[in-house]
N, C-alpha and C. Protein backbone atom coordinates (compact mmCIF):
# COMPACT_ATOMS: atom_id res chain seq x y z
N MET A 1 0.90 -1.19 0.17
CA MET A 1 0.10 0.10 -0.02
C MET A 1 0.77 1.27 -0.09
N GLN A 2 0.70 2.13 -0.94
CA GLN A 2 1.56 3.29 -1.03
C GLN A 2 0.67 4.45 -0.40
N ILE A 3 1.24 5.10 0.53
CA ILE A 3 0.64 6.45 0.95
C ILE A 3 1.62 7.55 1.09
N ASN A 4 1.18 8.62 0.97
CA ASN A 4 1.96 9.92 0.88
C ASN A 4 2.69 10.16 2.23
N HIS A 5 3.55 10.98 2.33
CA HIS A 5 4.48 11.18 3.83
C HIS A 5 3.47 12.00 4.58
N ASP A 6 2.48 12.90 4.23
CA ASP A 6 1.73 13.59 5.12
C ASP A 6 0.72 12.65 5.74
N THR A 7 0.11 11.72 5.00
CA THR A 7 -0.75 10.51 5.63
C THR A 7 0.03 9.56 6.42
N ARG A 8 1.21 9.35 6.06
CA ARG A 8 1.88 8.37 6.94
C ARG A 8 2.26 9.15 8.31
N CYS A 9 2.57 10.67 8.40
CA CYS A 9 2.74 11.04 9.57
C CYS A 9 1.53 11.39 10.36
N ALA A 10 0.41 11.51 9.69
CA ALA A 10 -0.78 11.56 10.45
C ALA A 10 -1.05 10.36 11.12
N LEU A 11 -1.08 9.03 10.31
CA LEU A 11 -1.22 7.82 10.84
C LEU A 11 -0.38 7.48 12.28
N ASP A 12 0.95 8.08 12.00
CA ASP A 12 1.94 7.70 13.10
C ASP A 12 1.42 8.58 14.33
N ASP A 13 0.98 9.72 14.10
CA ASP A 13 0.42 10.59 15.22
C ASP A 13 -0.88 9.93 15.86
N VAL A 14 -1.71 9.26 15.08
CA VAL A 14 -2.84 8.62 15.63
C VAL A 14 -2.33 7.49 16.54
N VAL A 15 -1.48 6.55 15.96
CA VAL A 15 -0.98 5.46 16.65
C VAL A 15 -0.16 6.03 18.02
N ASP A 16 0.61 6.85 17.99
CA ASP A 16 1.36 7.49 19.06
C ASP A 16 0.20 7.89 20.21
N LEU A 17 -0.79 8.76 19.68
CA LEU A 17 -1.86 9.11 20.65
C LEU A 17 -2.59 7.83 21.27
N LEU A 18 -2.97 6.95 20.38
CA LEU A 18 -3.64 5.74 21.00
C LEU A 18 -2.86 5.03 22.09
N ASN A 19 -1.60 5.09 21.81
CA ASN A 19 -0.53 4.49 22.79
C ASN A 19 -0.16 5.09 23.80
N THR A 20 -0.85 6.31 24.17
CA THR A 20 -0.55 7.08 25.42
C THR A 20 -1.87 6.50 26.41
N ALA A 21 -2.69 5.89 25.89
CA ALA A 21 -3.81 5.49 26.59
C ALA A 21 -3.26 4.40 27.64
N PRO A 22 -3.98 4.31 28.83
CA PRO A 22 -3.57 3.21 29.83
C PRO A 22 -3.91 1.95 29.13
N ASP A 23 -3.22 0.77 29.68
CA ASP A 23 -3.34 -0.39 29.14
C ASP A 23 -2.94 -1.49 30.04
N GLY A 24 -3.54 -2.10 30.90
CA GLY A 24 -2.94 -3.14 31.74
C GLY A 24 -2.02 -2.41 32.83
N ASP A 25 -0.71 -2.68 32.61
CA ASP A 25 0.24 -2.26 33.67
C ASP A 25 0.73 -0.93 33.10
N THR A 26 0.37 -0.41 31.85
CA THR A 26 0.76 0.73 31.43
C THR A 26 0.00 1.95 31.89
N PRO A 27 0.45 2.95 32.41
CA PRO A 27 -0.34 4.09 32.94
C PRO A 27 -0.58 5.04 31.86
N ASP A 28 -1.63 5.71 31.93
CA ASP A 28 -1.98 6.68 31.02
C ASP A 28 -0.72 7.87 30.74
N GLY A 29 -0.48 7.97 29.58
CA GLY A 29 0.64 8.74 29.27
C GLY A 29 0.31 10.19 28.81
N LEU A 30 -0.99 10.51 29.25
CA LEU A 30 -1.52 11.91 28.73
C LEU A 30 -2.53 12.56 29.94
N LEU A 31 -1.69 12.66 31.07
CA LEU A 31 -2.42 13.23 32.04
C LEU A 31 -2.28 14.58 32.55
N SER A 32 -1.37 15.21 31.81
CA SER A 32 -0.98 16.60 32.17
C SER A 32 -0.73 17.39 30.70
N VAL A 33 -0.73 18.70 30.85
CA VAL A 33 -0.62 19.44 29.87
C VAL A 33 0.79 19.22 29.43
N GLU A 34 1.68 19.09 30.36
CA GLU A 34 3.32 18.85 29.92
C GLU A 34 3.53 17.49 29.14
N GLU A 35 2.58 16.48 29.49
CA GLU A 35 2.69 15.28 28.59
C GLU A 35 2.07 15.55 27.23
N LEU A 36 1.11 16.27 27.03
CA LEU A 36 0.55 16.75 25.79
C LEU A 36 1.60 17.26 25.03
N ARG A 37 2.33 18.45 25.86
CA ARG A 37 3.27 19.19 25.04
C ARG A 37 4.24 18.25 24.48
N ALA A 38 4.69 17.22 25.28
CA ALA A 38 5.80 16.15 24.96
C ALA A 38 5.14 15.48 23.67
N TYR A 39 4.06 15.12 23.76
CA TYR A 39 3.25 14.45 22.50
C TYR A 39 3.49 15.34 21.38
N VAL A 40 2.91 16.55 21.27
CA VAL A 40 3.14 17.52 20.33
C VAL A 40 4.39 17.74 19.75
N ASP A 41 5.53 17.87 20.81
CA ASP A 41 6.66 18.00 20.22
C ASP A 41 7.49 16.69 19.54
N ARG A 42 7.02 15.54 20.26
CA ARG A 42 7.68 14.21 19.74
C ARG A 42 7.03 13.99 18.41
N ASN A 43 5.77 14.52 18.09
CA ASN A 43 5.32 14.27 16.76
C ASN A 43 5.30 15.40 15.78
N ALA A 44 6.13 16.40 16.26
CA ALA A 44 6.11 17.72 15.30
C ALA A 44 4.88 18.04 14.70
N VAL A 45 3.89 18.17 15.77
CA VAL A 45 2.54 18.60 15.08
C VAL A 45 2.66 20.22 15.06
N SER A 46 2.51 20.50 13.73
CA SER A 46 2.79 21.97 13.24
C SER A 46 1.48 23.00 13.93
N ASP A 47 1.96 24.17 13.88
CA ASP A 47 0.88 25.20 14.19
C ASP A 47 0.21 25.07 15.46
N VAL A 48 0.94 24.65 16.57
CA VAL A 48 0.22 24.35 17.80
C VAL A 48 0.79 25.48 18.77
N GLY A 49 -0.11 26.24 19.31
CA GLY A 49 0.34 27.35 20.29
C GLY A 49 0.38 26.92 21.75
N THR A 50 0.13 27.79 22.60
CA THR A 50 0.02 27.54 23.98
C THR A 50 -0.99 26.51 24.31
N LEU A 51 -0.80 25.52 25.16
CA LEU A 51 -1.70 24.52 25.43
C LEU A 51 -2.15 24.57 26.85
N GLY A 52 -3.49 24.23 27.04
CA GLY A 52 -4.06 24.19 28.37
C GLY A 52 -4.81 23.02 28.78
N GLU A 53 -5.63 23.14 29.87
CA GLU A 53 -6.34 21.81 30.37
C GLU A 53 -7.57 21.55 29.46
N ASP A 54 -8.08 22.42 28.87
CA ASP A 54 -9.10 22.33 27.74
C ASP A 54 -8.55 21.53 26.57
N ASP A 55 -7.38 21.88 26.11
CA ASP A 55 -6.79 21.01 25.09
C ASP A 55 -6.47 19.76 25.41
N LEU A 56 -6.04 19.53 26.63
CA LEU A 56 -5.70 18.02 27.14
C LEU A 56 -6.91 17.31 27.18
N ALA A 57 -8.12 17.98 27.65
CA ALA A 57 -9.32 17.05 27.81
C ALA A 57 -9.81 16.79 26.35
N ALA A 58 -9.71 17.87 25.40
CA ALA A 58 -10.19 17.58 24.05
C ALA A 58 -9.41 16.53 23.26
N VAL A 59 -7.94 16.53 23.46
CA VAL A 59 -7.20 15.46 22.91
C VAL A 59 -7.38 14.10 23.19
N ARG A 60 -7.72 14.16 24.68
CA ARG A 60 -8.10 12.83 25.38
C ARG A 60 -9.17 12.24 24.69
N SER A 61 -10.26 13.17 24.34
CA SER A 61 -11.35 12.86 23.75
C SER A 61 -11.13 12.29 22.42
N VAL A 62 -10.35 12.84 21.59
CA VAL A 62 -9.96 12.55 20.32
C VAL A 62 -9.47 11.17 20.31
N ARG A 63 -8.61 10.93 21.29
CA ARG A 63 -7.86 9.53 21.56
C ARG A 63 -8.80 8.54 21.60
N ASP A 64 -10.05 8.75 22.49
CA ASP A 64 -11.01 7.61 22.59
C ASP A 64 -11.71 7.58 21.24
N ARG A 65 -11.89 8.52 20.54
CA ARG A 65 -12.56 8.41 19.20
C ARG A 65 -12.00 7.44 18.34
N PHE A 66 -10.64 7.89 18.19
CA PHE A 66 -9.61 7.10 17.30
C PHE A 66 -9.81 5.66 17.91
N ALA A 67 -9.77 5.19 19.12
CA ALA A 67 -9.76 4.06 19.58
C ALA A 67 -10.96 3.37 19.09
N GLY A 68 -11.93 4.01 19.13
CA GLY A 68 -13.45 3.44 18.54
C GLY A 68 -13.21 2.99 17.20
N VAL A 69 -12.54 3.75 16.24
CA VAL A 69 -12.27 3.58 14.81
C VAL A 69 -11.49 2.04 14.80
N PHE A 70 -10.39 2.03 15.57
CA PHE A 70 -9.60 0.68 15.55
C PHE A 70 -10.46 -0.52 15.98
N ALA A 71 -11.48 -0.18 16.79
CA ALA A 71 -12.32 -1.28 17.63
C ALA A 71 -13.57 -1.61 16.87
N ALA A 72 -13.88 -0.74 15.74
CA ALA A 72 -15.09 -0.73 15.10
C ALA A 72 -15.33 -2.19 14.38
N PRO A 73 -16.28 -2.87 14.46
CA PRO A 73 -16.49 -4.23 14.10
C PRO A 73 -16.64 -4.40 12.51
N ASP A 74 -16.83 -3.21 11.83
CA ASP A 74 -16.78 -3.24 10.31
C ASP A 74 -16.63 -1.77 9.80
N ALA A 75 -16.45 -1.77 8.51
CA ALA A 75 -16.16 -0.57 7.76
C ALA A 75 -17.32 0.49 7.85
N ARG A 76 -18.40 0.08 7.84
CA ARG A 76 -19.71 1.02 7.92
C ARG A 76 -19.44 1.64 9.35
N THR A 77 -19.27 0.97 10.38
CA THR A 77 -19.25 1.58 11.71
C THR A 77 -18.00 2.68 11.76
N ALA A 78 -16.74 2.06 11.24
CA ALA A 78 -15.73 2.81 11.34
C ALA A 78 -16.00 4.22 10.45
N SER A 79 -16.67 4.02 9.31
CA SER A 79 -16.85 5.24 8.65
C SER A 79 -17.63 6.21 9.22
N LYS A 80 -18.67 5.69 9.87
CA LYS A 80 -19.71 6.70 10.71
C LYS A 80 -18.77 7.53 11.67
N LEU A 81 -17.84 6.72 12.41
CA LEU A 81 -16.97 7.26 13.50
C LEU A 81 -16.12 8.39 13.05
N ILE A 82 -15.25 8.00 11.89
CA ILE A 82 -14.42 9.02 11.11
C ILE A 82 -15.28 10.19 10.59
N ASN A 83 -16.39 10.02 9.93
CA ASN A 83 -17.18 10.99 9.38
C ASN A 83 -17.50 12.17 10.28
N ALA A 84 -18.08 11.63 11.58
CA ALA A 84 -18.34 12.50 12.60
C ALA A 84 -17.25 13.10 13.19
N LEU A 85 -16.13 12.54 13.42
CA LEU A 85 -14.85 13.08 13.99
C LEU A 85 -14.20 14.35 13.02
N VAL A 86 -14.24 14.04 11.65
CA VAL A 86 -13.75 14.91 10.80
C VAL A 86 -14.70 16.02 10.64
N ALA A 87 -16.07 15.86 10.58
CA ALA A 87 -16.85 17.01 10.47
C ALA A 87 -17.08 17.92 11.85
N GLU A 88 -16.79 17.32 12.97
CA GLU A 88 -16.67 18.12 14.07
C GLU A 88 -15.43 18.86 14.20
N ALA A 89 -14.49 18.40 13.49
CA ALA A 89 -13.13 19.33 13.42
C ALA A 89 -13.23 20.49 12.59
N GLY A 90 -14.18 20.54 11.85
CA GLY A 90 -14.30 21.62 10.88
C GLY A 90 -13.30 21.62 9.87
N THR A 91 -13.05 20.49 9.19
CA THR A 91 -12.08 20.15 8.27
C THR A 91 -11.98 21.29 7.32
N THR A 92 -10.92 21.75 6.77
CA THR A 92 -10.60 22.89 5.89
C THR A 92 -9.43 22.48 5.07
N PRO A 93 -9.52 21.83 4.01
CA PRO A 93 -8.29 21.35 3.32
C PRO A 93 -7.62 22.65 2.74
N GLN A 94 -6.26 22.62 3.04
CA GLN A 94 -5.39 23.88 2.35
C GLN A 94 -4.16 23.16 1.97
N LEU A 95 -3.37 23.58 1.08
CA LEU A 95 -2.23 23.39 0.43
C LEU A 95 -1.20 24.13 1.25
N THR A 96 -0.11 23.50 1.55
CA THR A 96 0.87 24.01 2.17
C THR A 96 2.23 23.36 1.82
N ASP A 97 3.42 24.19 2.04
CA ASP A 97 4.86 23.61 1.83
C ASP A 97 5.70 24.21 2.90
N HIS A 98 5.67 23.45 4.08
CA HIS A 98 6.71 24.07 5.23
C HIS A 98 7.59 23.04 5.74
N ASP A 99 8.41 23.38 6.44
CA ASP A 99 9.37 22.74 7.16
C ASP A 99 10.25 21.84 6.13
N GLY A 100 10.47 22.22 5.03
CA GLY A 100 11.16 21.52 3.95
C GLY A 100 10.56 20.20 3.24
N TYR A 101 9.15 20.32 3.35
CA TYR A 101 8.50 19.31 2.69
C TYR A 101 7.67 20.09 1.44
N ASP A 102 7.60 19.30 0.31
CA ASP A 102 7.05 19.85 -0.89
C ASP A 102 5.64 20.16 -0.49
N TRP A 103 4.50 20.49 -1.48
CA TRP A 103 3.29 20.60 -1.41
C TRP A 103 2.49 19.39 -0.64
N HIS A 104 1.74 19.63 0.19
CA HIS A 104 0.93 18.76 0.80
C HIS A 104 -0.31 19.37 1.30
N VAL A 105 -1.35 18.43 1.68
CA VAL A 105 -2.57 19.09 2.30
C VAL A 105 -2.72 18.97 3.89
N HIS A 106 -2.88 20.07 4.47
CA HIS A 106 -3.37 20.02 5.73
C HIS A 106 -5.08 20.05 5.74
N TYR A 107 -5.55 19.11 6.74
CA TYR A 107 -7.05 19.29 6.67
C TYR A 107 -7.49 20.00 7.75
N PHE A 108 -6.75 20.61 8.69
CA PHE A 108 -7.46 21.47 9.67
C PHE A 108 -7.19 22.93 9.34
N ALA A 109 -8.23 23.77 9.97
CA ALA A 109 -8.22 24.91 9.55
C ALA A 109 -7.03 25.88 10.36
N PRO A 110 -6.65 26.86 9.86
CA PRO A 110 -5.76 27.73 10.48
C PRO A 110 -6.01 28.18 11.77
N GLY A 111 -5.20 28.08 12.91
CA GLY A 111 -5.58 28.26 14.17
C GLY A 111 -6.54 27.40 14.91
N ALA A 112 -6.60 26.36 14.24
CA ALA A 112 -7.53 25.22 14.84
C ALA A 112 -6.74 24.68 16.34
N SER A 113 -7.54 24.03 17.17
CA SER A 113 -7.05 23.73 18.41
C SER A 113 -6.39 22.49 17.96
N VAL A 114 -5.44 22.05 18.91
CA VAL A 114 -4.61 20.85 18.78
C VAL A 114 -5.42 19.51 18.38
N ALA A 115 -6.57 19.51 19.27
CA ALA A 115 -7.54 18.43 19.04
C ALA A 115 -8.25 18.45 17.63
N ASP A 116 -8.54 19.62 17.33
CA ASP A 116 -9.36 19.51 15.94
C ASP A 116 -7.98 19.41 14.93
N HIS A 117 -6.99 19.69 15.10
CA HIS A 117 -5.81 19.55 14.13
C HIS A 117 -5.79 17.90 14.02
N LEU A 118 -5.69 17.20 15.15
CA LEU A 118 -5.41 15.84 15.24
C LEU A 118 -6.54 15.26 14.73
N ALA A 119 -7.80 15.59 14.93
CA ALA A 119 -8.99 14.94 14.52
C ALA A 119 -9.20 14.94 13.01
N ALA A 120 -8.80 16.27 12.47
CA ALA A 120 -9.04 16.47 10.96
C ALA A 120 -7.88 15.68 10.25
N ASP A 121 -6.60 15.83 10.54
CA ASP A 121 -5.56 15.16 9.76
C ASP A 121 -5.57 13.59 10.00
N GLY A 122 -5.82 13.06 11.38
CA GLY A 122 -5.90 11.90 11.66
C GLY A 122 -7.17 11.15 11.12
N GLY A 123 -8.18 11.88 11.09
CA GLY A 123 -9.38 11.25 10.75
C GLY A 123 -9.51 11.21 9.20
N MET A 124 -8.80 12.11 8.46
CA MET A 124 -8.63 11.77 7.13
C MET A 124 -7.67 10.89 6.63
N ALA A 125 -6.54 10.60 7.41
CA ALA A 125 -5.49 9.58 7.32
C ALA A 125 -6.47 8.17 7.20
N LEU A 126 -7.21 8.02 8.43
CA LEU A 126 -8.02 6.92 8.64
C LEU A 126 -8.91 6.61 7.46
N ALA A 127 -9.54 7.85 7.02
CA ALA A 127 -10.43 7.57 6.00
C ALA A 127 -9.72 7.13 4.73
N PHE A 128 -8.63 7.56 4.37
CA PHE A 128 -7.85 6.92 3.21
C PHE A 128 -7.49 5.58 3.32
N ILE A 129 -7.39 5.06 4.50
CA ILE A 129 -7.17 3.58 4.81
C ILE A 129 -8.24 2.87 4.56
N LEU A 130 -9.37 3.39 5.07
CA LEU A 130 -10.85 2.87 4.64
C LEU A 130 -11.07 2.78 3.40
N VAL A 131 -11.02 3.95 2.65
CA VAL A 131 -11.44 4.08 1.02
C VAL A 131 -10.69 2.97 0.39
N ALA A 132 -9.30 2.72 0.77
CA ALA A 132 -8.47 2.04 0.04
C ALA A 132 -8.78 0.36 0.40
N GLY A 133 -9.81 -0.03 1.26
CA GLY A 133 -10.35 -1.11 1.55
C GLY A 133 -9.10 -1.92 2.50
N GLU A 134 -8.52 -1.07 3.32
CA GLU A 134 -7.43 -1.45 4.03
C GLU A 134 -7.52 -1.55 5.41
N ARG A 135 -8.97 -1.53 6.03
CA ARG A 135 -9.18 -1.24 7.41
C ARG A 135 -8.61 -2.21 8.29
N GLU A 136 -8.39 -3.50 7.56
CA GLU A 136 -7.67 -4.56 8.55
C GLU A 136 -6.31 -4.25 8.84
N ARG A 137 -5.68 -3.25 8.21
CA ARG A 137 -4.48 -2.82 8.69
C ARG A 137 -4.25 -2.04 9.87
N LEU A 138 -5.41 -1.69 10.50
CA LEU A 138 -5.43 -0.87 11.72
C LEU A 138 -5.59 -1.98 12.83
N ARG A 139 -4.62 -2.27 13.64
CA ARG A 139 -4.48 -3.37 14.41
C ARG A 139 -4.04 -3.01 15.75
N ARG A 140 -4.15 -4.10 16.56
CA ARG A 140 -3.52 -4.16 18.11
C ARG A 140 -2.58 -5.21 18.22
N CYS A 141 -1.49 -5.03 18.99
CA CYS A 141 -0.48 -6.01 19.14
C CYS A 141 -1.10 -7.28 19.66
N GLU A 142 -0.52 -8.42 19.14
CA GLU A 142 -1.16 -9.77 19.56
C GLU A 142 -0.49 -10.38 20.68
N ALA A 143 0.55 -9.75 21.13
CA ALA A 143 1.26 -9.99 22.35
C ALA A 143 0.26 -10.04 23.50
N PRO A 144 0.22 -11.24 24.39
CA PRO A 144 -0.83 -11.28 25.30
C PRO A 144 -0.98 -10.06 26.37
N ASP A 145 0.22 -9.43 26.59
CA ASP A 145 0.25 -8.51 27.58
C ASP A 145 0.57 -7.13 27.10
N CYS A 146 0.25 -6.96 25.83
CA CYS A 146 0.52 -5.50 25.18
C CYS A 146 -0.77 -4.73 24.69
N GLY A 147 -1.26 -5.10 23.41
CA GLY A 147 -2.46 -4.35 23.04
C GLY A 147 -2.30 -3.08 22.51
N ARG A 148 -0.88 -2.56 22.40
CA ARG A 148 -0.53 -1.30 21.58
C ARG A 148 -1.02 -1.32 20.10
N ALA A 149 -1.43 -0.15 19.85
CA ALA A 149 -1.97 -0.01 18.47
C ALA A 149 -0.79 0.22 17.43
N PHE A 150 -1.15 -0.26 16.23
CA PHE A 150 -0.24 0.05 15.16
C PHE A 150 -0.95 -0.23 13.79
N ILE A 151 -0.15 0.35 12.83
CA ILE A 151 -0.93 0.05 11.50
C ILE A 151 0.14 -0.72 10.63
N ASP A 152 -0.43 -1.76 10.23
CA ASP A 152 0.30 -2.77 9.54
C ASP A 152 0.59 -2.18 7.91
N LEU A 153 1.49 -1.82 7.72
CA LEU A 153 2.00 -1.46 6.36
C LEU A 153 2.97 -2.30 5.46
N SER A 154 2.96 -3.56 6.01
CA SER A 154 3.79 -4.50 5.53
C SER A 154 3.07 -5.15 4.12
N ARG A 155 3.83 -5.33 3.30
CA ARG A 155 3.26 -5.67 1.90
C ARG A 155 2.04 -6.93 1.81
N ASN A 156 2.46 -7.74 2.74
CA ASN A 156 1.29 -9.00 2.88
C ASN A 156 0.49 -8.71 3.97
N ARG A 157 0.50 -7.85 4.72
CA ARG A 157 -0.39 -7.73 5.82
C ARG A 157 -0.04 -8.72 6.95
N SER A 158 1.13 -9.11 7.23
CA SER A 158 1.38 -10.14 8.03
C SER A 158 1.73 -9.56 9.45
N ARG A 159 1.96 -8.35 9.81
CA ARG A 159 2.53 -7.83 10.89
C ARG A 159 1.64 -8.34 12.06
N ARG A 160 2.12 -8.75 13.22
CA ARG A 160 1.31 -9.15 14.38
C ARG A 160 1.59 -8.50 15.59
N TYR A 161 2.76 -7.79 15.64
CA TYR A 161 3.21 -7.10 17.00
C TYR A 161 3.50 -5.76 16.75
N CYS A 162 3.32 -4.97 17.72
CA CYS A 162 3.61 -3.40 17.63
C CYS A 162 5.12 -3.06 17.37
N ASP A 163 6.08 -4.13 17.97
CA ASP A 163 7.29 -3.98 17.68
C ASP A 163 7.95 -5.41 17.67
N SER A 164 8.44 -5.85 16.60
CA SER A 164 9.06 -7.05 16.31
C SER A 164 10.15 -7.52 17.24
N ARG A 165 11.10 -6.17 17.61
CA ARG A 165 12.12 -6.41 18.41
C ARG A 165 11.71 -6.73 19.82
N THR A 166 10.63 -6.08 20.23
CA THR A 166 10.33 -6.36 21.84
C THR A 166 9.24 -7.18 21.85
N CYS A 167 8.10 -7.14 21.51
CA CYS A 167 6.91 -7.95 21.66
C CYS A 167 7.22 -9.36 20.77
N GLY A 168 7.50 -9.19 19.42
CA GLY A 168 7.74 -10.47 18.76
C GLY A 168 8.76 -11.31 19.25
N ASN A 169 9.88 -10.63 19.50
CA ASN A 169 11.05 -11.45 20.07
C ASN A 169 10.73 -12.16 21.16
N ARG A 170 10.16 -11.34 22.18
CA ARG A 170 9.86 -11.92 23.54
C ARG A 170 9.05 -13.10 23.27
N LEU A 171 7.93 -13.11 22.51
CA LEU A 171 7.19 -14.34 22.17
C LEU A 171 7.88 -15.42 21.62
N HIS A 172 8.87 -15.05 20.75
CA HIS A 172 9.45 -16.18 20.08
C HIS A 172 10.45 -16.70 20.99
N VAL A 173 11.11 -16.00 21.83
CA VAL A 173 12.12 -16.59 22.92
C VAL A 173 11.24 -17.51 23.75
N ALA A 174 10.08 -17.02 24.33
CA ALA A 174 9.35 -17.64 25.02
C ALA A 174 8.82 -19.17 24.51
N ALA A 175 8.65 -18.98 23.29
CA ALA A 175 8.11 -20.32 22.47
C ALA A 175 9.25 -21.25 22.35
N TYR A 176 10.47 -20.65 21.97
CA TYR A 176 11.49 -21.59 21.94
C TYR A 176 12.04 -22.05 23.33
N ARG A 177 11.95 -21.27 24.41
CA ARG A 177 12.17 -21.92 25.63
C ARG A 177 11.20 -23.11 26.13
N ALA A 178 9.90 -22.84 25.91
CA ALA A 178 8.97 -23.96 26.04
C ALA A 178 9.33 -25.12 25.15
N ARG A 179 9.68 -24.99 23.98
CA ARG A 179 10.00 -26.14 23.11
C ARG A 179 11.19 -26.77 23.88
N GLN A 180 12.31 -25.97 24.16
CA GLN A 180 13.35 -26.62 24.88
C GLN A 180 13.10 -27.44 26.20
N ARG A 181 12.24 -26.91 27.07
CA ARG A 181 11.73 -27.59 28.13
C ARG A 181 11.01 -28.75 27.87
N GLU A 182 10.11 -28.79 26.86
CA GLU A 182 9.49 -30.11 26.54
C GLU A 182 10.22 -31.06 25.82
N SER A 183 11.36 -30.68 25.32
CA SER A 183 12.37 -31.52 24.79
C SER A 183 13.09 -32.28 25.83
N ALA A 184 13.62 -31.41 26.85
CA ALA A 184 14.34 -31.89 27.91
C ALA A 184 13.37 -32.95 28.96
N ASP A 185 12.14 -32.57 29.04
CA ASP A 185 11.33 -33.32 29.74
C ASP A 185 10.99 -34.72 29.17
N ALA A 186 10.89 -34.79 27.84
CA ALA A 186 10.82 -35.84 26.96
C ALA A 186 11.88 -36.79 26.93
N GLY A 187 13.15 -36.23 27.02
CA GLY A 187 14.44 -36.87 26.95
C GLY A 187 14.74 -37.37 28.24
């Protein structure tokens, strides 16, 4: 699946935002305005001014709505969630060329809140995935104790873990050790 740079960045922002949510032993990574600022800086979210408690609450709400898209049982449900998210963000497509990138489209209005910015750009990126018939690429890690979000952009849609170096390797090593134990017990 080919996606442009801007869509890829927006999808990465969605995934990073989803992965700030509490999950099992992982605490919420978006409890303070400082953590929101760190998220904005880490993802180089452009055109964001001063952040406050209202922004934090609004971004946490957008995070919950993105989680709903990932958990949607079918494309029709996902499309309704995306349509509502994008419409409420006041999507205003604009061509821009900033920060050394060639022409691309921003879907948020100038001066939009960080939540509307994320909802518009992230919602449109998710819409492109849905339109391409690739909703199954929106995944959660299959490691039993993980559940982090990721978007499977592998050619054959075979990615199962959020990070093959951590979750994937950990499970492969555990399976190998279990086979070794079984072999030792049998011998």
